[in-house]
Amino acid sequence: MSKENSKIGDNIRKLRLQKDLSQEKLARLADIAFPTLTKIESGETPNPTIDTVKKIAGALGVSIDDLMK
């Protein structure tokens, strides 16, 4: 996996920790499966669907662009 592919996972993890949320809590807020979130953050799923990214961005209160930077 390239460093670029894990950027979204790194950004999600950084924002989640800034908001003091556990992975489990963020998964519930975003209405996604917990394993889905852990795989995205770890880079195992480097290209999540746009629907998943929208849900995570909404739960974190950020734009999709913020997750992609």
C-alpha atoms as a PDB file:
ATOM      1  CA  MET A   1       0.000   0.000   0.000  1.00  0.00           C
ATOM      2  CA  SER A   2       1.293   3.436  -0.817  1.00  0.00           C
ATOM      3  CA  LYS A   3       1.446   6.255   1.688  1.00  0.00           C
ATOM      4  CA  GLU A   4      -1.088   8.193  -0.398  1.00  0.00           C
ATOM      5  CA  ASN A   5      -3.647   5.400  -0.088  1.00  0.00           C
ATOM      6  CA  SER A   6      -3.557   5.491   3.703  1.00  0.00           C
ATOM      7  CA  LYS A   7      -3.978   9.282   3.884  1.00  0.00           C
ATOM      8  CA  ILE A   8      -7.740   9.140   4.388  1.00  0.00           C
ATOM      9  CA  GLY A   9      -7.347   6.614   7.195  1.00  0.00           C
ATOM     10  CA  ASP A  10      -4.668   8.760   8.839  1.00  0.00           C
ATOM     11  CA  ASN A  11      -6.887  11.837   8.591  1.00  0.00           C
ATOM     12  CA  ILE A  12      -9.894  10.025  10.044  1.00  0.00           C
ATOM     13  CA  ARG A  13      -7.790   8.741  12.944  1.00  0.00           C
ATOM     14  CA  LYS A  14      -6.305  12.209  13.607  1.00  0.00           C
ATOM     15  CA  LEU A  15      -9.717  13.929  13.594  1.00  0.00           C
ATOM     16  CA  ARG A  16     -11.299  11.159  15.675  1.00  0.00           C
ATOM     17  CA  LEU A  17      -8.625  11.503  18.347  1.00  0.00           C
ATOM     18  CA  GLN A  18      -8.909  15.316  18.310  1.00  0.00           C
ATOM     19  CA  LYS A  19     -12.603  14.883  19.098  1.00  0.00           C
ATOM     20  CA  ASP A  20     -11.801  12.291  21.783  1.00  0.00           C
ATOM     21  CA  LEU A  21     -13.887   9.587  20.098  1.00  0.00           C
ATOM     22  CA  SER A  22     -13.212   5.863  20.211  1.00  0.00           C
ATOM     23  CA  GLN A  23     -13.399   3.882  16.992  1.00  0.00           C
ATOM     24  CA  GLU A  24     -16.531   2.197  18.320  1.00  0.00           C
ATOM     25  CA  LYS A  25     -18.223   5.524  19.096  1.00  0.00           C
ATOM     26  CA  LEU A  26     -17.351   7.007  15.694  1.00  0.00           C
ATOM     27  CA  ALA A  27     -18.616   3.889  13.919  1.00  0.00           C
ATOM     28  CA  ARG A  28     -21.931   4.207  15.773  1.00  0.00           C
ATOM     29  CA  LEU A  29     -22.202   7.945  15.050  1.00  0.00           C
ATOM     30  CA  ALA A  30     -21.442   7.354  11.367  1.00  0.00           C
ATOM     31  CA  ASP A  31     -23.776   4.350  11.200  1.00  0.00           C
ATOM     32  CA  ILE A  32     -21.078   2.116   9.741  1.00  0.00           C
ATOM     33  CA  ALA A  33     -19.766  -1.250  10.901  1.00  0.00           C
ATOM     34  CA  PHE A  34     -16.936  -1.084  13.427  1.00  0.00           C
ATOM     35  CA  PRO A  35     -14.691  -3.402  11.348  1.00  0.00           C
ATOM     36  CA  THR A  36     -15.185  -1.093   8.354  1.00  0.00           C
ATOM     37  CA  LEU A  37     -13.820   1.867  10.297  1.00  0.00           C
ATOM     38  CA  THR A  38     -10.869  -0.072  11.694  1.00  0.00           C
ATOM     39  CA  LYS A  39      -9.946  -1.315   8.222  1.00  0.00           C
ATOM     40  CA  ILE A  40     -10.086   2.214   6.788  1.00  0.00           C
ATOM     41  CA  GLU A  41      -7.960   3.651   9.599  1.00  0.00           C
ATOM     42  CA  SER A  42      -5.402   0.853   9.348  1.00  0.00           C
ATOM     43  CA  GLY A  43      -5.124   1.246   5.576  1.00  0.00           C
ATOM     44  CA  GLU A  44      -6.466  -2.250   4.919  1.00  0.00           C
ATOM     45  CA  THR A  45      -9.321  -0.560   3.021  1.00  0.00           C
ATOM     46  CA  PRO A  46      -7.514   2.378   1.400  1.00  0.00           C
ATOM     47  CA  ASN A  47     -10.381   3.361  -0.929  1.00  0.00           C
ATOM     48  CA  PRO A  48     -13.669   3.374   1.002  1.00  0.00           C
ATOM     49  CA  THR A  49     -16.924   4.097  -0.810  1.00  0.00           C
ATOM     50  CA  ILE A  50     -18.049   7.707  -1.084  1.00  0.00           C
ATOM     51  CA  ASP A  51     -21.130   6.877   1.011  1.00  0.00           C
ATOM     52  CA  THR A  52     -18.916   5.623   3.832  1.00  0.00           C
ATOM     53  CA  VAL A  53     -16.694   8.695   3.606  1.00  0.00           C
ATOM     54  CA  LYS A  54     -19.775  10.956   3.709  1.00  0.00           C
ATOM     55  CA  LYS A  55     -21.049   9.214   6.837  1.00  0.00           C
ATOM     56  CA  ILE A  56     -17.687   9.477   8.598  1.00  0.00           C
ATOM     57  CA  ALA A  57     -17.269  13.139   7.606  1.00  0.00           C
ATOM     58  CA  GLY A  58     -20.766  13.916   8.902  1.00  0.00           C
ATOM     59  CA  ALA A  59     -20.104  12.152  12.207  1.00  0.00           C
ATOM     60  CA  LEU A  60     -16.840  14.080  12.635  1.00  0.00           C
ATOM     61  CA  GLY A  61     -18.440  17.377  11.606  1.00  0.00           C
ATOM     62  CA  VAL A  62     -15.975  17.961   8.763  1.00  0.00           C
ATOM     63  CA  SER A  63     -16.154  18.070   4.981  1.00  0.00           C
ATOM     64  CA  ILE A  64     -15.191  15.183   2.730  1.00  0.00           C
ATOM     65  CA  ASP A  65     -12.347  17.401   1.503  1.00  0.00           C
ATOM     66  CA  ASP A  66     -10.964  17.559   5.051  1.00  0.00           C
ATOM     67  CA  LEU A  67     -10.687  13.766   5.074  1.00  0.00           C
ATOM     68  CA  MET A  68      -8.992  13.655   1.671  1.00  0.00           C
ATOM     69  CA  LYS A  69      -6.285  16.296   2.313  1.00  0.00           C
END
